[in-house]
Amino acid sequence: MPRPQGRVLVAQNRKAHHDYHLHDRFEAGMVLTGTEVKSLRAGRASLVDAFATVDDGEVWLRNAHIPEYAFGTWKNHATRRNRKLLLHRKEIAKLDRETASSGRTIVPLAIYFSDGYAKVELAIATGKRDWDKRQTIAARDADREAQRELSARNRGER
């Protein structure tokens, strides 16, 4: 069976765009067991409370939920275990430097398969305050209203 080409999205962290200012983005491989891969291929994963940390020169994905594989045996994986992420040494050093400064964290944005390999997209993020969130929503609504007016004008309705 040929390996699937392209990017196949498994899980996405939609609240990350709402709760954080996202800065640099990284793509990392994941160290998984066989039943975790099968569960991901079935499209089952959640990044709701997930985050990443740098410990002793290694990056770990913590609190990501990959449910047990339905047809697994007694050797099934733990659902919220810590998973090692694979990055280049320079990328790990940059993540470590950025998170050492106050208020920055590493947030997973998506889990996907890229050419058959399980990957996770990470971003360095700074938390938004409540007024930042309201400001973002107001700007999005204003842009949406301007786009509506422009499209109505182009149709000749106004």
N, C-alpha and C. Protein backbone atom coordinates (compact mmCIF):
# COMPACT_ATOMS: atom_id res chain seq x y z
N MET A 1 0.84 -1.18 0.00
CA MET A 1 0.00 0.00 0.00
C MET A 1 0.89 1.24 0.00
N PRO A 2 0.67 2.19 -0.92
CA PRO A 2 1.53 3.37 -0.99
C PRO A 2 1.30 4.31 0.20
N ARG A 3 2.34 4.99 0.57
CA ARG A 3 2.28 5.93 1.68
C ARG A 3 1.47 7.16 1.23
N PRO A 4 0.53 7.64 2.05
CA PRO A 4 -0.26 8.82 1.65
C PRO A 4 0.62 10.06 1.54
N GLN A 5 0.38 10.86 0.54
CA GLN A 5 1.17 12.07 0.30
C GLN A 5 0.45 13.29 0.85
N GLY A 6 1.19 14.33 1.16
CA GLY A 6 0.60 15.58 1.63
C GLY A 6 0.37 15.59 3.12
N ARG A 7 -0.47 16.54 3.53
CA ARG A 7 -0.74 16.77 4.94
C ARG A 7 -2.16 16.34 5.28
N VAL A 8 -2.29 15.42 6.23
CA VAL A 8 -3.60 14.93 6.68
C VAL A 8 -3.78 15.36 8.13
N LEU A 9 -4.69 16.30 8.36
CA LEU A 9 -4.90 16.85 9.70
C LEU A 9 -5.62 15.85 10.59
N VAL A 10 -5.13 15.68 11.82
CA VAL A 10 -5.74 14.76 12.79
C VAL A 10 -6.46 15.57 13.88
N ALA A 11 -5.76 16.52 14.49
CA ALA A 11 -6.33 17.32 15.57
C ALA A 11 -5.79 18.74 15.47
N GLN A 12 -6.60 19.69 15.92
CA GLN A 12 -6.22 21.09 15.85
C GLN A 12 -6.58 21.76 17.16
N ASN A 13 -5.74 22.68 17.61
CA ASN A 13 -5.98 23.43 18.84
C ASN A 13 -6.51 24.81 18.44
N ARG A 14 -7.82 24.93 18.31
CA ARG A 14 -8.42 26.18 17.84
C ARG A 14 -8.37 27.28 18.89
N LYS A 15 -8.41 26.90 20.15
CA LYS A 15 -8.39 27.92 21.20
C LYS A 15 -7.03 28.59 21.33
N ALA A 16 -6.00 28.01 20.77
CA ALA A 16 -4.67 28.60 20.87
C ALA A 16 -4.64 29.97 20.20
N HIS A 17 -5.32 30.11 19.06
CA HIS A 17 -5.34 31.40 18.36
C HIS A 17 -6.13 32.43 19.15
N HIS A 18 -7.08 31.98 19.95
CA HIS A 18 -7.89 32.89 20.75
C HIS A 18 -7.20 33.27 22.05
N ASP A 19 -6.48 32.34 22.65
CA ASP A 19 -5.91 32.56 23.98
C ASP A 19 -4.48 33.09 23.98
N TYR A 20 -3.78 33.01 22.84
CA TYR A 20 -2.36 33.36 22.81
C TYR A 20 -2.02 34.23 21.61
N HIS A 21 -0.99 35.06 21.77
CA HIS A 21 -0.32 35.70 20.65
C HIS A 21 0.73 34.71 20.17
N LEU A 22 0.62 34.23 18.95
CA LEU A 22 1.53 33.20 18.44
C LEU A 22 2.70 33.85 17.72
N HIS A 23 3.90 33.37 18.01
CA HIS A 23 5.11 33.92 17.41
C HIS A 23 5.71 32.90 16.43
N ASP A 24 6.91 32.42 16.70
CA ASP A 24 7.57 31.47 15.80
C ASP A 24 6.88 30.11 15.82
N ARG A 25 6.87 29.46 14.66
CA ARG A 25 6.25 28.13 14.55
C ARG A 25 7.31 27.11 14.15
N PHE A 26 7.13 25.88 14.65
CA PHE A 26 8.05 24.79 14.38
C PHE A 26 7.26 23.54 14.04
N GLU A 27 7.86 22.68 13.22
CA GLU A 27 7.29 21.37 12.94
C GLU A 27 8.18 20.33 13.59
N ALA A 28 7.58 19.46 14.39
CA ALA A 28 8.36 18.45 15.11
C ALA A 28 7.79 17.07 14.86
N GLY A 29 8.67 16.08 14.78
CA GLY A 29 8.24 14.70 14.71
C GLY A 29 7.87 14.22 16.10
N MET A 30 7.13 13.13 16.17
CA MET A 30 6.70 12.59 17.46
C MET A 30 7.19 11.16 17.61
N VAL A 31 7.63 10.80 18.82
CA VAL A 31 8.00 9.43 19.12
C VAL A 31 6.75 8.76 19.68
N LEU A 32 6.19 7.81 18.91
CA LEU A 32 4.93 7.18 19.26
C LEU A 32 5.06 5.67 19.29
N THR A 33 4.13 5.03 19.97
CA THR A 33 4.04 3.57 19.93
C THR A 33 3.07 3.18 18.81
N GLY A 34 2.99 1.89 18.52
CA GLY A 34 2.15 1.42 17.41
C GLY A 34 0.68 1.72 17.59
N THR A 35 0.16 1.53 18.81
CA THR A 35 -1.27 1.78 19.01
C THR A 35 -1.60 3.27 18.97
N GLU A 36 -0.64 4.12 19.32
CA GLU A 36 -0.86 5.57 19.22
C GLU A 36 -0.99 5.98 17.76
N VAL A 37 -0.15 5.42 16.91
CA VAL A 37 -0.21 5.74 15.48
C VAL A 37 -1.54 5.27 14.90
N LYS A 38 -1.98 4.08 15.28
CA LYS A 38 -3.25 3.56 14.78
C LYS A 38 -4.41 4.43 15.24
N SER A 39 -4.38 4.89 16.47
CA SER A 39 -5.42 5.76 16.98
C SER A 39 -5.42 7.11 16.25
N LEU A 40 -4.22 7.64 15.97
CA LEU A 40 -4.13 8.89 15.22
C LEU A 40 -4.63 8.72 13.79
N ARG A 41 -4.31 7.60 13.17
CA ARG A 41 -4.78 7.36 11.80
C ARG A 41 -6.30 7.25 11.76
N ALA A 42 -6.91 6.84 12.88
CA ALA A 42 -8.37 6.81 12.96
C ALA A 42 -8.94 8.20 13.22
N GLY A 43 -8.07 9.21 13.38
CA GLY A 43 -8.51 10.59 13.56
C GLY A 43 -8.91 10.95 14.97
N ARG A 44 -8.34 10.27 15.93
CA ARG A 44 -8.72 10.49 17.32
C ARG A 44 -7.56 11.08 18.12
N ALA A 45 -7.70 12.35 18.49
CA ALA A 45 -6.71 13.01 19.35
C ALA A 45 -7.30 14.34 19.81
N SER A 46 -6.75 14.87 20.90
CA SER A 46 -7.20 16.15 21.42
C SER A 46 -6.01 16.92 21.99
N LEU A 47 -5.97 18.21 21.69
CA LEU A 47 -4.89 19.07 22.17
C LEU A 47 -5.42 20.13 23.14
N VAL A 48 -6.54 19.87 23.80
CA VAL A 48 -7.21 20.89 24.59
C VAL A 48 -6.31 21.45 25.70
N ASP A 49 -5.72 20.62 26.52
CA ASP A 49 -4.90 21.09 27.63
C ASP A 49 -3.41 20.84 27.39
N ALA A 50 -3.02 20.59 26.16
CA ALA A 50 -1.64 20.19 25.87
C ALA A 50 -0.69 21.39 25.87
N PHE A 51 0.55 21.10 26.20
CA PHE A 51 1.63 22.08 26.14
C PHE A 51 2.93 21.32 25.96
N ALA A 52 3.99 22.03 25.66
CA ALA A 52 5.30 21.40 25.48
C ALA A 52 6.31 22.06 26.41
N THR A 53 7.30 21.28 26.82
CA THR A 53 8.36 21.79 27.69
C THR A 53 9.71 21.33 27.16
N VAL A 54 10.74 22.06 27.54
CA VAL A 54 12.12 21.67 27.22
C VAL A 54 12.77 21.23 28.52
N ASP A 55 13.16 19.95 28.58
CA ASP A 55 13.78 19.39 29.77
C ASP A 55 15.08 18.69 29.37
N ASP A 56 16.20 19.17 29.90
CA ASP A 56 17.52 18.56 29.66
C ASP A 56 17.82 18.41 28.18
N GLY A 57 17.52 19.44 27.40
CA GLY A 57 17.84 19.41 25.97
C GLY A 57 16.90 18.57 25.13
N GLU A 58 15.76 18.17 25.68
CA GLU A 58 14.76 17.41 24.93
C GLU A 58 13.42 18.11 25.06
N VAL A 59 12.62 18.06 24.00
CA VAL A 59 11.30 18.68 24.01
C VAL A 59 10.26 17.59 24.22
N TRP A 60 9.32 17.83 25.15
CA TRP A 60 8.29 16.86 25.50
C TRP A 60 6.92 17.47 25.30
N LEU A 61 6.03 16.72 24.68
CA LEU A 61 4.63 17.10 24.55
C LEU A 61 3.90 16.51 25.76
N ARG A 62 3.27 17.36 26.53
CA ARG A 62 2.63 16.93 27.76
C ARG A 62 1.12 17.16 27.69
N ASN A 63 0.39 16.23 28.27
CA ASN A 63 -1.05 16.33 28.46
C ASN A 63 -1.85 16.28 27.15
N ALA A 64 -1.27 15.83 26.07
CA ALA A 64 -2.03 15.62 24.84
C ALA A 64 -2.77 14.30 24.97
N HIS A 65 -4.02 14.27 24.55
CA HIS A 65 -4.85 13.09 24.73
C HIS A 65 -4.97 12.33 23.42
N ILE A 66 -4.38 11.15 23.38
CA ILE A 66 -4.56 10.22 22.26
C ILE A 66 -5.24 9.00 22.86
N PRO A 67 -6.53 8.79 22.57
CA PRO A 67 -7.26 7.70 23.24
C PRO A 67 -6.71 6.33 22.87
N GLU A 68 -7.02 5.37 23.71
CA GLU A 68 -6.56 4.00 23.46
C GLU A 68 -7.12 3.49 22.15
N TYR A 69 -6.34 2.69 21.47
CA TYR A 69 -6.78 2.08 20.22
C TYR A 69 -7.84 1.03 20.54
N ALA A 70 -8.97 1.08 19.86
CA ALA A 70 -10.11 0.22 20.18
C ALA A 70 -9.78 -1.26 20.04
N PHE A 71 -8.93 -1.62 19.08
CA PHE A 71 -8.62 -3.02 18.84
C PHE A 71 -7.27 -3.42 19.41
N GLY A 72 -6.74 -2.60 20.34
CA GLY A 72 -5.46 -2.90 20.95
C GLY A 72 -5.59 -4.00 22.00
N THR A 73 -4.46 -4.52 22.41
CA THR A 73 -4.44 -5.59 23.40
C THR A 73 -4.06 -5.00 24.75
N TRP A 74 -3.60 -5.84 25.63
CA TRP A 74 -3.16 -5.38 26.94
C TRP A 74 -1.93 -4.48 26.86
N LYS A 75 -1.29 -4.40 25.69
CA LYS A 75 -0.12 -3.54 25.52
C LYS A 75 -0.50 -2.16 24.98
N ASN A 76 -1.76 -1.76 25.18
CA ASN A 76 -2.21 -0.45 24.72
C ASN A 76 -1.45 0.65 25.47
N HIS A 77 -1.42 1.84 24.90
CA HIS A 77 -0.66 2.96 25.47
C HIS A 77 -1.49 3.72 26.50
N ALA A 78 -0.81 4.49 27.34
CA ALA A 78 -1.49 5.39 28.27
C ALA A 78 -1.96 6.61 27.49
N THR A 79 -3.17 7.09 27.79
CA THR A 79 -3.77 8.12 26.95
C THR A 79 -3.09 9.49 27.05
N ARG A 80 -2.63 9.87 28.22
CA ARG A 80 -2.03 11.20 28.40
C ARG A 80 -0.56 11.12 28.77
N ARG A 81 0.16 10.19 28.22
CA ARG A 81 1.57 10.05 28.57
C ARG A 81 2.38 11.17 27.92
N ASN A 82 3.57 11.44 28.44
CA ASN A 82 4.46 12.43 27.86
C ASN A 82 5.10 11.84 26.62
N ARG A 83 5.11 12.61 25.53
CA ARG A 83 5.65 12.12 24.26
C ARG A 83 6.83 12.99 23.84
N LYS A 84 7.91 12.34 23.49
CA LYS A 84 9.11 13.05 23.08
C LYS A 84 8.91 13.61 21.67
N LEU A 85 9.39 14.84 21.45
CA LEU A 85 9.30 15.47 20.15
C LEU A 85 10.69 15.55 19.54
N LEU A 86 10.75 15.41 18.23
CA LEU A 86 12.02 15.38 17.52
C LEU A 86 12.23 16.69 16.78
N LEU A 87 13.27 17.43 17.20
CA LEU A 87 13.63 18.71 16.59
C LEU A 87 15.13 18.78 16.43
N HIS A 88 15.59 19.69 15.60
CA HIS A 88 17.02 19.93 15.47
C HIS A 88 17.54 20.63 16.72
N ARG A 89 18.81 20.46 16.99
CA ARG A 89 19.41 21.01 18.20
C ARG A 89 19.27 22.53 18.27
N LYS A 90 19.42 23.22 17.13
CA LYS A 90 19.28 24.68 17.11
C LYS A 90 17.85 25.10 17.43
N GLU A 91 16.88 24.33 16.95
CA GLU A 91 15.48 24.64 17.23
C GLU A 91 15.17 24.44 18.72
N ILE A 92 15.72 23.39 19.30
CA ILE A 92 15.53 23.14 20.73
C ILE A 92 16.16 24.26 21.54
N ALA A 93 17.34 24.71 21.14
CA ALA A 93 18.01 25.81 21.85
C ALA A 93 17.18 27.09 21.76
N LYS A 94 16.59 27.34 20.61
CA LYS A 94 15.76 28.54 20.44
C LYS A 94 14.51 28.45 21.31
N LEU A 95 13.87 27.28 21.34
CA LEU A 95 12.70 27.09 22.19
C LEU A 95 13.05 27.30 23.66
N ASP A 96 14.20 26.77 24.07
CA ASP A 96 14.63 26.91 25.46
C ASP A 96 14.89 28.37 25.81
N ARG A 97 15.56 29.10 24.91
CA ARG A 97 15.83 30.52 25.11
C ARG A 97 14.53 31.33 25.22
N GLU A 98 13.61 31.07 24.31
CA GLU A 98 12.36 31.84 24.28
C GLU A 98 11.50 31.58 25.50
N THR A 99 11.44 30.33 25.96
CA THR A 99 10.60 30.03 27.12
C THR A 99 11.26 30.45 28.43
N ALA A 100 12.57 30.67 28.41
CA ALA A 100 13.24 31.14 29.62
C ALA A 100 12.81 32.57 29.94
N SER A 101 12.48 33.36 28.89
CA SER A 101 11.97 34.70 29.15
C SER A 101 10.56 34.59 29.71
N SER A 102 10.19 35.55 30.53
CA SER A 102 8.92 35.44 31.25
C SER A 102 7.71 35.55 30.32
N GLY A 103 6.69 34.78 30.65
CA GLY A 103 5.42 34.88 29.94
C GLY A 103 5.33 34.13 28.64
N ARG A 104 6.34 33.37 28.27
CA ARG A 104 6.29 32.63 27.01
C ARG A 104 6.13 31.14 27.29
N THR A 105 5.41 30.46 26.41
CA THR A 105 5.20 29.03 26.53
C THR A 105 5.19 28.41 25.14
N ILE A 106 5.25 27.10 25.10
CA ILE A 106 5.22 26.38 23.82
C ILE A 106 3.85 25.70 23.73
N VAL A 107 3.10 26.07 22.69
CA VAL A 107 1.74 25.57 22.53
C VAL A 107 1.67 24.72 21.28
N PRO A 108 1.13 23.50 21.37
CA PRO A 108 0.91 22.71 20.15
C PRO A 108 -0.33 23.22 19.41
N LEU A 109 -0.20 23.42 18.11
CA LEU A 109 -1.32 23.93 17.31
C LEU A 109 -2.06 22.84 16.57
N ALA A 110 -1.35 21.81 16.11
CA ALA A 110 -2.01 20.76 15.34
C ALA A 110 -1.18 19.49 15.37
N ILE A 111 -1.87 18.36 15.24
CA ILE A 111 -1.24 17.07 15.01
C ILE A 111 -1.70 16.62 13.63
N TYR A 112 -0.76 16.20 12.81
CA TYR A 112 -1.09 15.81 11.45
C TYR A 112 -0.08 14.80 10.93
N PHE A 113 -0.42 14.17 9.82
CA PHE A 113 0.51 13.28 9.14
C PHE A 113 1.05 14.02 7.92
N SER A 114 2.35 14.09 7.81
CA SER A 114 3.01 14.70 6.67
C SER A 114 3.77 13.61 5.93
N ASP A 115 3.30 13.25 4.76
CA ASP A 115 3.88 12.16 3.96
C ASP A 115 3.99 10.87 4.77
N GLY A 116 3.00 10.60 5.60
CA GLY A 116 2.94 9.36 6.35
C GLY A 116 3.57 9.41 7.73
N TYR A 117 4.27 10.49 8.07
CA TYR A 117 4.91 10.61 9.38
C TYR A 117 4.08 11.52 10.29
N ALA A 118 3.91 11.11 11.55
CA ALA A 118 3.15 11.91 12.51
C ALA A 118 3.98 13.12 12.92
N LYS A 119 3.38 14.30 12.80
CA LYS A 119 4.05 15.56 13.14
C LYS A 119 3.16 16.37 14.06
N VAL A 120 3.77 17.29 14.78
CA VAL A 120 3.03 18.25 15.59
C VAL A 120 3.57 19.63 15.27
N GLU A 121 2.67 20.60 15.11
CA GLU A 121 3.07 21.98 14.86
C GLU A 121 3.07 22.71 16.19
N LEU A 122 4.21 23.30 16.54
CA LEU A 122 4.38 24.02 17.79
C LEU A 122 4.52 25.50 17.51
N ALA A 123 4.15 26.32 18.49
CA ALA A 123 4.35 27.76 18.38
C ALA A 123 4.79 28.29 19.73
N ILE A 124 5.67 29.28 19.68
CA ILE A 124 6.03 30.01 20.88
C ILE A 124 4.93 31.04 21.07
N ALA A 125 4.35 31.09 22.27
CA ALA A 125 3.17 31.91 22.48
C ALA A 125 3.28 32.74 23.75
N THR A 126 2.60 33.88 23.72
CA THR A 126 2.44 34.74 24.87
C THR A 126 0.95 34.84 25.16
N GLY A 127 0.57 34.68 26.41
CA GLY A 127 -0.85 34.70 26.77
C GLY A 127 -1.50 36.05 26.52
N LYS A 128 -2.74 36.02 26.05
CA LYS A 128 -3.50 37.24 25.84
C LYS A 128 -4.25 37.60 27.12
N ARG A 129 -4.43 38.87 27.33
CA ARG A 129 -5.28 39.34 28.41
C ARG A 129 -6.71 39.40 27.89
N ASP A 130 -7.67 39.60 28.78
CA ASP A 130 -9.08 39.66 28.37
C ASP A 130 -9.34 40.79 27.40
N TRP A 131 -8.70 41.95 27.62
CA TRP A 131 -8.95 43.07 26.71
C TRP A 131 -8.33 42.80 25.35
N ASP A 132 -7.23 42.02 25.30
CA ASP A 132 -6.65 41.63 24.01
C ASP A 132 -7.63 40.77 23.23
N LYS A 133 -8.28 39.85 23.93
CA LYS A 133 -9.24 38.97 23.27
C LYS A 133 -10.42 39.77 22.73
N ARG A 134 -10.93 40.72 23.53
CA ARG A 134 -12.04 41.56 23.07
C ARG A 134 -11.62 42.42 21.89
N GLN A 135 -10.41 42.92 21.93
CA GLN A 135 -9.90 43.74 20.83
C GLN A 135 -9.77 42.92 19.55
N THR A 136 -9.31 41.69 19.66
CA THR A 136 -9.19 40.81 18.50
C THR A 136 -10.56 40.51 17.91
N ILE A 137 -11.53 40.24 18.77
CA ILE A 137 -12.89 39.95 18.29
C ILE A 137 -13.48 41.18 17.61
N ALA A 138 -13.28 42.37 18.18
CA ALA A 138 -13.81 43.60 17.58
C ALA A 138 -13.17 43.86 16.23
N ALA A 139 -11.86 43.65 16.11
CA ALA A 139 -11.17 43.85 14.83
C ALA A 139 -11.66 42.86 13.79
N ARG A 140 -11.87 41.61 14.19
CA ARG A 140 -12.37 40.60 13.25
C ARG A 140 -13.78 40.94 12.78
N ASP A 141 -14.64 41.41 13.71
CA ASP A 141 -16.00 41.80 13.32
C ASP A 141 -15.98 43.00 12.39
N ALA A 142 -15.11 43.98 12.64
CA ALA A 142 -15.02 45.15 11.77
C ALA A 142 -14.54 44.75 10.38
N ASP A 143 -13.57 43.86 10.30
CA ASP A 143 -13.09 43.38 9.00
C ASP A 143 -14.19 42.64 8.25
N ARG A 144 -14.93 41.82 8.97
CA ARG A 144 -16.02 41.07 8.35
C ARG A 144 -17.10 42.02 7.81
N GLU A 145 -17.45 43.05 8.59
CA GLU A 145 -18.46 44.02 8.15
C GLU A 145 -17.97 44.81 6.94
N ALA A 146 -16.70 45.20 6.94
CA ALA A 146 -16.13 45.91 5.79
C ALA A 146 -16.15 45.03 4.55
N GLN A 147 -15.85 43.76 4.72
CA GLN A 147 -15.87 42.83 3.58
C GLN A 147 -17.29 42.67 3.04
N ARG A 148 -18.28 42.61 3.93
CA ARG A 148 -19.68 42.52 3.49
C ARG A 148 -20.08 43.74 2.69
N GLU A 149 -19.73 44.93 3.21
CA GLU A 149 -20.07 46.18 2.51
C GLU A 149 -19.40 46.23 1.14
N LEU A 150 -18.15 45.82 1.08
CA LEU A 150 -17.42 45.85 -0.18
C LEU A 150 -18.02 44.89 -1.20
N SER A 151 -18.38 43.69 -0.75
CA SER A 151 -18.97 42.72 -1.69
C SER A 151 -20.36 43.16 -2.13
N ALA A 152 -21.13 43.79 -1.22
CA ALA A 152 -22.45 44.31 -1.60
C ALA A 152 -22.31 45.44 -2.60
N ARG A 153 -21.32 46.28 -2.41
CA ARG A 153 -21.07 47.40 -3.34
C ARG A 153 -20.65 46.88 -4.72
N ASN A 154 -19.81 45.83 -4.73
CA ASN A 154 -19.37 45.26 -6.00
C ASN A 154 -20.50 44.58 -6.76
N ARG A 155 -21.49 44.06 -6.01
CA ARG A 155 -22.66 43.45 -6.66
C ARG A 155 -23.63 44.50 -7.17
N GLY A 156 -23.46 45.75 -6.73
CA GLY A 156 -24.34 46.82 -7.18
C GLY A 156 -25.56 47.00 -6.32
N GLU A 157 -25.56 46.45 -5.12
CA GLU A 157 -26.71 46.57 -4.24
C GLU A 157 -26.73 47.90 -3.53
N ARG A 158 -25.59 48.55 -3.38
CA ARG A 158 -25.52 49.83 -2.65
C ARG A 158 -24.77 50.84 -3.41
